[in-house]
Amino acid sequence: MSQRVAVYPGSFDPVTLGHLDILDRATAIFDRVMVAVLANPAKTPLFTAEERVEIIRQCIADRPNVDVGSFDGLTVDYAESLGATAIVRGLRVLSDFESEFTMALMNRRLKPSINTVFLMTSFSNVFISSSIIKEVCALGGSVDEVAPDVSVRAMRRKFGIDTS
């Protein structure tokens, strides 16, 4: 019997508890999940792709059926190269759906054999986004309850905030 493999793509700049919530939901459905860090040249991330991969690697250390890698180009091509049959996308609020739905339709046109699976985040994570977390952290606010410790420490180092 073949494994059900899914790709969970994103910028993960940085990874949040909302991301990990979606990841845990995906691992309940799929045998293996590849967290795929997008090296998007159109964005100016806080962390390099390599740094994001390492942060995620530390976060998933206790998840045996999860791996992490980075890619550039089309998500469906990356998914196909891994033998994945699905792309996992997280939804927080209604406004996420329109852009995600459009992207899913294009991916389906490009690779009909790869499905997109939308997973709703937990209510406690609805307001969490990487951009908000970065802004709050840069301004000295606490993000300890919305991001894993490794992300919080890495952001504080990047922003030159005392980590002692």
Protein backbone atom coordinates (compact mmCIF):
# COMPACT_ATOMS: atom_id res chain seq x y z
CA MET A 1 0.00 0.00 0.00
CA SER A 2 1.43 3.37 -0.97
CA GLN A 3 1.79 6.22 1.46
CA ARG A 4 -0.49 9.23 1.28
CA VAL A 5 1.95 12.13 0.97
CA ALA A 6 1.03 15.79 1.23
CA VAL A 7 3.00 18.99 0.81
CA TYR A 8 2.33 21.89 3.16
CA PRO A 9 3.85 24.91 1.38
CA GLY A 10 4.34 28.42 2.66
CA SER A 11 6.80 31.13 3.45
CA PHE A 12 6.79 30.30 7.20
CA ASP A 13 8.54 33.60 7.98
CA PRO A 14 8.50 32.68 10.83
CA VAL A 15 6.59 29.52 11.66
CA THR A 16 3.71 30.19 14.07
CA LEU A 17 1.54 28.08 16.33
CA GLY A 18 -1.15 28.47 13.66
CA HIS A 19 1.14 26.80 11.12
CA LEU A 20 1.88 23.97 13.54
CA ASP A 21 -1.85 23.57 14.22
CA ILE A 22 -2.52 23.05 10.50
CA LEU A 23 0.48 20.70 10.29
CA ASP A 24 -0.86 18.56 13.14
CA ARG A 25 -4.26 18.39 11.45
CA ALA A 26 -2.58 17.34 8.20
CA THR A 27 -0.60 14.56 9.90
CA ALA A 28 -3.88 13.11 11.16
CA ILE A 29 -4.96 12.68 7.52
CA PHE A 30 -1.76 11.89 5.62
CA ASP A 31 0.94 9.29 6.21
CA ARG A 32 3.71 11.79 5.49
CA VAL A 33 3.72 15.58 5.28
CA MET A 34 6.50 17.65 3.74
CA VAL A 35 6.64 21.21 5.02
CA ALA A 36 7.83 23.10 1.96
CA VAL A 37 9.46 26.47 2.55
CA LEU A 38 9.01 28.67 -0.49
CA ALA A 39 12.07 30.65 -1.47
CA ASN A 40 10.02 33.42 -3.11
CA PRO A 41 12.19 36.09 -4.75
CA ALA A 42 9.19 38.46 -4.86
CA LYS A 43 9.11 38.67 -1.05
CA THR A 44 11.68 40.11 1.32
CA PRO A 45 11.61 37.67 4.23
CA LEU A 46 13.05 38.26 7.68
CA PHE A 47 14.74 34.86 7.56
CA THR A 48 16.55 33.13 4.71
CA ALA A 49 15.03 29.93 3.38
CA GLU A 50 17.79 27.99 5.13
CA GLU A 51 17.04 29.68 8.46
CA ARG A 52 13.31 29.00 8.10
CA VAL A 53 14.00 25.33 7.32
CA GLU A 54 16.18 25.05 10.43
CA ILE A 55 13.58 26.74 12.66
CA ILE A 56 10.90 24.37 11.35
CA ARG A 57 13.22 21.38 11.71
CA GLN A 58 13.54 22.18 15.42
CA CYS A 59 9.75 22.53 15.73
CA ILE A 60 9.02 19.17 14.09
CA ALA A 61 11.68 17.12 15.85
CA ASP A 62 8.99 15.12 17.70
CA ARG A 63 6.86 14.55 14.59
CA PRO A 64 8.24 11.41 12.88
CA ASN A 65 6.02 11.57 9.78
CA VAL A 66 6.95 15.19 8.97
CA ASP A 67 9.94 16.51 7.07
CA VAL A 68 10.95 19.95 5.84
CA GLY A 69 12.63 21.23 2.72
CA SER A 70 12.73 24.32 0.56
CA PHE A 71 11.82 24.90 -3.05
CA ASP A 72 11.32 27.56 -5.65
CA GLY A 73 9.03 27.43 -8.63
CA LEU A 74 5.61 25.88 -8.81
CA THR A 75 4.25 24.10 -5.75
CA VAL A 76 2.56 21.46 -7.90
CA ASP A 77 5.89 20.61 -9.56
CA TYR A 78 7.53 20.25 -6.16
CA ALA A 79 4.62 18.13 -4.90
CA GLU A 80 4.82 15.90 -7.96
CA SER A 81 8.59 15.44 -7.50
CA LEU A 82 7.89 14.10 -3.99
CA GLY A 83 5.12 11.78 -5.10
CA ALA A 84 2.55 13.83 -3.18
CA THR A 85 -1.12 13.57 -4.01
CA ALA A 86 -2.19 16.66 -2.06
CA ILE A 87 -1.27 20.20 -1.17
CA VAL A 88 -2.38 21.33 2.28
CA ARG A 89 -3.47 24.92 2.78
CA GLY A 90 -4.60 26.50 6.02
CA LEU A 91 -7.55 28.84 6.27
CA ARG A 92 -8.04 31.32 9.09
CA VAL A 93 -10.74 33.70 7.93
CA LEU A 94 -13.08 34.05 4.99
CA SER A 95 -10.75 36.44 3.17
CA ASP A 96 -8.10 33.68 2.97
CA PHE A 97 -10.49 31.51 0.98
CA GLU A 98 -10.72 33.59 -2.20
CA SER A 99 -6.99 33.72 -2.93
CA GLU A 100 -6.46 30.12 -1.81
CA PHE A 101 -9.37 28.91 -3.96
CA THR A 102 -7.99 30.70 -7.03
CA MET A 103 -4.56 29.18 -6.45
CA ALA A 104 -6.07 25.71 -5.95
CA LEU A 105 -7.95 25.98 -9.25
CA MET A 106 -4.78 26.91 -11.11
CA ASN A 107 -2.84 24.09 -9.44
CA ARG A 108 -5.58 21.66 -10.44
CA ARG A 109 -5.36 22.88 -14.04
CA LEU A 110 -1.58 22.41 -14.02
CA LYS A 111 -1.58 19.00 -12.27
CA PRO A 112 -5.05 17.41 -12.10
CA SER A 113 -3.71 14.46 -10.11
CA ILE A 114 -2.75 16.69 -7.16
CA ASN A 115 -5.59 17.82 -4.92
CA THR A 116 -5.68 20.80 -2.61
CA VAL A 117 -6.96 20.18 0.90
CA PHE A 118 -8.12 23.16 2.95
CA LEU A 119 -7.86 22.86 6.73
CA MET A 120 -9.36 25.33 9.16
CA THR A 121 -7.15 26.50 11.96
CA SER A 122 -8.26 26.29 15.56
CA PHE A 123 -10.26 29.27 16.80
CA SER A 124 -7.40 30.30 19.07
CA ASN A 125 -5.15 30.74 16.01
CA VAL A 126 -7.53 32.68 13.76
CA PHE A 127 -5.79 36.02 14.25
CA ILE A 128 -2.22 34.73 14.01
CA SER A 129 -0.14 35.63 10.97
CA SER A 130 3.61 35.74 10.50
CA SER A 131 3.50 39.40 9.45
CA ILE A 132 1.60 40.49 12.58
CA ILE A 133 3.89 38.44 14.81
CA LYS A 134 7.00 40.00 13.24
CA GLU A 135 5.61 43.50 13.69
CA VAL A 136 4.65 42.94 17.33
CA CYS A 137 8.01 41.35 18.12
CA ALA A 138 9.98 44.11 16.36
CA LEU A 139 8.14 46.69 18.46
CA GLY A 140 9.03 44.83 21.67
CA GLY A 141 5.70 43.10 22.27
CA SER A 142 5.34 39.56 23.50
CA VAL A 143 4.59 36.86 20.93
CA ASP A 144 5.34 33.96 23.27
CA GLU A 145 1.76 32.65 23.16
CA VAL A 146 1.44 32.66 19.36
CA ALA A 147 4.79 31.33 18.13
CA PRO A 148 7.01 28.43 19.15
CA ASP A 149 9.98 29.32 21.38
CA VAL A 150 12.48 28.72 18.59
CA SER A 151 10.70 31.26 16.35
CA VAL A 152 10.47 33.81 19.16
CA ARG A 153 14.18 33.52 19.99
CA ALA A 154 15.16 33.76 16.31
CA MET A 155 13.03 36.88 15.78
CA ARG A 156 14.42 38.55 18.89
CA ARG A 157 17.96 37.88 17.66
CA LYS A 158 17.12 39.34 14.21
CA PHE A 159 15.56 42.44 15.78
CA GLY A 160 18.41 42.87 18.27
CA ILE A 161 16.13 42.36 21.25
CA ASP A 162 17.67 41.04 24.46
CA THR A 163 17.11 37.27 24.59
CA SER A 164 18.39 36.70 28.13
